[in-house]
Protein backbone atom coordinates (compact mmCIF):
# COMPACT_ATOMS: atom_id res chain seq x y z
CA CYS A 1 0.00 0.00 0.00
CA GLU A 2 2.87 2.36 0.69
CA ALA A 3 4.17 1.98 -2.87
CA ALA A 4 0.77 3.00 -4.25
CA ALA A 5 0.84 6.36 -2.45
CA PRO A 6 3.51 7.98 -4.69
CA VAL A 7 1.75 6.68 -7.80
CA MET A 8 -1.58 8.12 -6.65
CA SER A 9 0.12 11.40 -5.81
CA PHE A 10 1.61 11.49 -9.31
CA PHE A 11 -1.78 10.88 -10.94
CA GLN A 12 -3.47 13.46 -8.70
CA THR A 13 -0.87 16.04 -9.69
CA LEU A 14 -1.22 15.08 -13.35
CA TRP A 15 -5.02 15.32 -13.12
CA LYS A 16 -4.83 18.77 -11.47
CA ARG A 17 -2.47 20.05 -14.18
CA ALA A 18 -4.67 18.65 -16.95
CA GLY A 19 -7.70 20.26 -15.32
CA ALA A 20 -5.97 23.62 -15.07
CA ALA A 21 -4.90 23.43 -18.73
CA TYR A 22 -8.45 22.52 -19.79
CA ARG A 23 -9.98 25.39 -17.78
CA ALA A 24 -7.48 27.81 -19.31
CA LYS A 25 -8.29 26.60 -22.85
CA VAL A 26 -12.06 26.76 -22.31
CA GLY A 27 -11.72 30.18 -20.69
CA LYS A 28 -9.71 31.48 -23.63
CA ASP A 29 -12.23 30.11 -26.14
CA LEU A 30 -15.19 31.61 -24.28
CA THR A 31 -13.46 34.96 -23.87
CA ALA A 32 -12.96 35.11 -27.62
CA TYR A 33 -16.75 35.38 -27.90
CA GLY A 34 -17.23 37.53 -24.82
CA LEU A 35 -18.77 34.73 -22.76
CA MET A 36 -18.36 33.51 -19.22
CA TYR A 37 -18.30 29.84 -18.25
CA GLU A 38 -21.66 30.14 -16.49
CA ASP A 39 -23.25 31.42 -19.71
CA CYS A 40 -22.74 28.01 -21.32
CA LEU A 41 -24.30 25.81 -18.68
CA ILE A 42 -27.02 23.46 -19.88
CA GLU A 43 -30.28 24.90 -18.60
CA THR A 44 -31.47 22.16 -16.29
CA GLU A 45 -34.22 22.80 -13.75
CA ASN A 46 -31.62 23.87 -11.17
CA VAL A 47 -29.96 26.29 -13.60
CA LYS A 48 -33.35 27.75 -14.58
CA LEU A 49 -34.16 28.26 -10.90
CA ALA A 50 -30.81 29.98 -10.36
CA LEU A 51 -31.42 32.23 -13.39
CA LYS A 52 -34.79 33.28 -11.95
CA ARG A 53 -33.03 34.37 -8.77
CA LEU A 54 -30.52 36.60 -10.58
CA PRO A 55 -30.96 40.36 -10.43
CA LYS A 56 -32.46 41.84 -13.60
CA ASP A 57 -29.28 43.69 -14.66
CA ILE A 58 -27.13 40.54 -14.45
CA LEU A 59 -29.69 38.52 -16.39
CA VAL A 60 -29.85 41.20 -19.11
CA ALA A 61 -26.03 41.28 -19.33
CA ARG A 62 -26.01 37.47 -19.72
CA GLU A 63 -28.57 37.64 -22.52
CA GLN A 64 -26.55 40.33 -24.28
CA ARG A 65 -23.37 38.22 -24.04
CA LEU A 66 -25.20 35.23 -25.52
CA LYS A 67 -26.64 37.32 -28.38
CA ARG A 68 -23.23 38.86 -29.12
CA ALA A 69 -21.60 35.42 -29.11
CA MET A 70 -24.18 34.03 -31.54
CA PHE A 71 -23.75 37.05 -33.82
CA LEU A 72 -19.96 36.79 -33.77
CA SER A 73 -20.13 33.06 -34.43
CA SER A 74 -22.43 33.55 -37.39
CA GLN A 75 -20.04 36.15 -38.83
CA HIS A 76 -16.98 33.91 -38.17
CA LYS A 77 -15.48 36.66 -36.01
CA ARG A 78 -14.15 36.94 -32.47
CA CYS A 79 -14.04 39.70 -29.87
CA ARG A 80 -11.03 41.92 -29.85
CA PRO A 81 -8.57 41.06 -27.05
């Protein structure tokens, strides 16, 4: 069992690094269209409930980001950095 501990530690470290790289890549791709990660969540019942609880100004900003992203995607363009 003691020999398994360093192997598990290695895989945990590897998994954390892969996760960080994935989050950075997704973040960069979403930023290119002016989106936030939360804007792309699948609208399950829990997400819909959370959206209902958002203040009006935040909900309007989210809708504007989604519209802008769809427009940019249709034009094959990206936001300026």
